[in-house]
Amino acid sequence: MKNLMNKLSFNKKKQNTQGVQFRIDPKTNQNLTVLRNYYSAETGRKITTGEICKKLINQHIENLKLQTIEKDVL
């Protein structure tokens, strides 16, 4: 089973999203800021926390699906 983290890709145009609130510790907040700045610079527009969370959630689901398929095959 691979557990590699792929680079996230964002559209140039922001999609409709729903508001969600959560609390994070200071270190996670620093890391999130680094991610926002990195992906904002890469796309040429402001990337929001929500967009990053949405991509991570969807990517994780895809990874779980792949792991399940690999597990079923083995």
Protein backbone atom coordinates (compact mmCIF):
# COMPACT_ATOMS: atom_id res chain seq x y z
CA MET A 1 0.00 0.00 0.00
CA LYS A 2 1.31 3.39 -0.99
CA ASN A 3 0.77 6.32 1.34
CA LEU A 4 2.24 9.11 -0.76
CA MET A 5 0.79 12.59 -0.70
CA ASN A 6 0.24 13.99 -4.17
CA LYS A 7 0.47 17.66 -5.00
CA LEU A 8 -2.96 19.31 -5.04
CA SER A 9 -4.22 21.00 -8.19
CA PHE A 10 -6.62 23.92 -8.20
CA ASN A 11 -8.73 25.48 -10.95
CA LYS A 12 -8.06 29.09 -11.88
CA LYS A 13 -11.73 29.81 -11.18
CA LYS A 14 -13.08 29.31 -7.66
CA GLN A 15 -15.99 26.88 -7.31
CA ASN A 16 -19.07 27.33 -5.12
CA THR A 17 -18.45 26.16 -1.58
CA GLN A 18 -20.27 25.80 1.72
CA GLY A 19 -19.09 27.36 4.98
CA VAL A 20 -17.53 25.11 7.63
CA GLN A 21 -15.88 26.11 10.91
CA PHE A 22 -13.22 24.27 12.88
CA ARG A 23 -10.42 25.05 15.32
CA ILE A 24 -6.77 24.20 14.77
CA ASP A 25 -3.64 24.42 16.89
CA PRO A 26 -0.96 27.09 16.18
CA LYS A 27 1.44 24.70 14.38
CA THR A 28 -1.30 23.43 12.07
CA ASN A 29 -2.32 27.04 11.44
CA GLN A 30 1.26 27.88 10.39
CA ASN A 31 1.33 24.87 8.07
CA LEU A 32 -2.02 25.85 6.59
CA THR A 33 -0.73 29.37 5.93
CA VAL A 34 2.28 27.91 4.12
CA LEU A 35 -0.04 25.76 1.97
CA ARG A 36 -2.36 28.69 1.19
CA ASN A 37 0.57 30.89 0.18
CA TYR A 38 2.18 28.14 -1.91
CA TYR A 39 -0.95 27.24 -3.86
CA SER A 40 -2.03 30.90 -4.19
CA ALA A 41 1.32 31.74 -5.79
CA GLU A 42 1.11 28.67 -8.02
CA THR A 43 -2.39 29.41 -9.35
CA GLY A 44 -2.13 33.18 -9.47
CA ARG A 45 -5.18 33.69 -7.26
CA LYS A 46 -6.03 33.44 -3.57
CA ILE A 47 -6.58 29.82 -2.49
CA THR A 48 -8.79 29.54 0.58
CA THR A 49 -8.61 27.17 3.53
CA GLY A 50 -11.90 25.65 2.39
CA GLU A 51 -10.52 24.83 -1.03
CA ILE A 52 -7.49 23.13 0.51
CA CYS A 53 -9.67 21.12 2.91
CA LYS A 54 -12.02 20.09 0.11
CA LYS A 55 -9.12 18.89 -2.07
CA LEU A 56 -7.56 16.97 0.81
CA ILE A 57 -10.86 15.29 1.69
CA ASN A 58 -11.54 14.28 -1.91
CA GLN A 59 -7.96 13.09 -2.42
CA HIS A 60 -8.12 11.02 0.76
CA ILE A 61 -11.35 9.36 -0.39
CA GLU A 62 -9.74 8.48 -3.73
CA ASN A 63 -6.71 7.02 -1.91
CA LEU A 64 -9.00 4.92 0.28
CA LYS A 65 -10.85 3.66 -2.78
CA LEU A 66 -7.54 2.66 -4.40
CA GLN A 67 -6.40 0.92 -1.22
CA THR A 68 -9.68 -0.99 -1.05
CA ILE A 69 -9.28 -2.09 -4.67
CA GLU A 70 -5.67 -3.18 -4.02
CA LYS A 71 -6.77 -5.02 -0.87
CA ASP A 72 -9.56 -6.82 -2.75
CA VAL A 73 -7.18 -7.86 -5.50
CA LEU A 74 -4.52 -9.20 -3.12
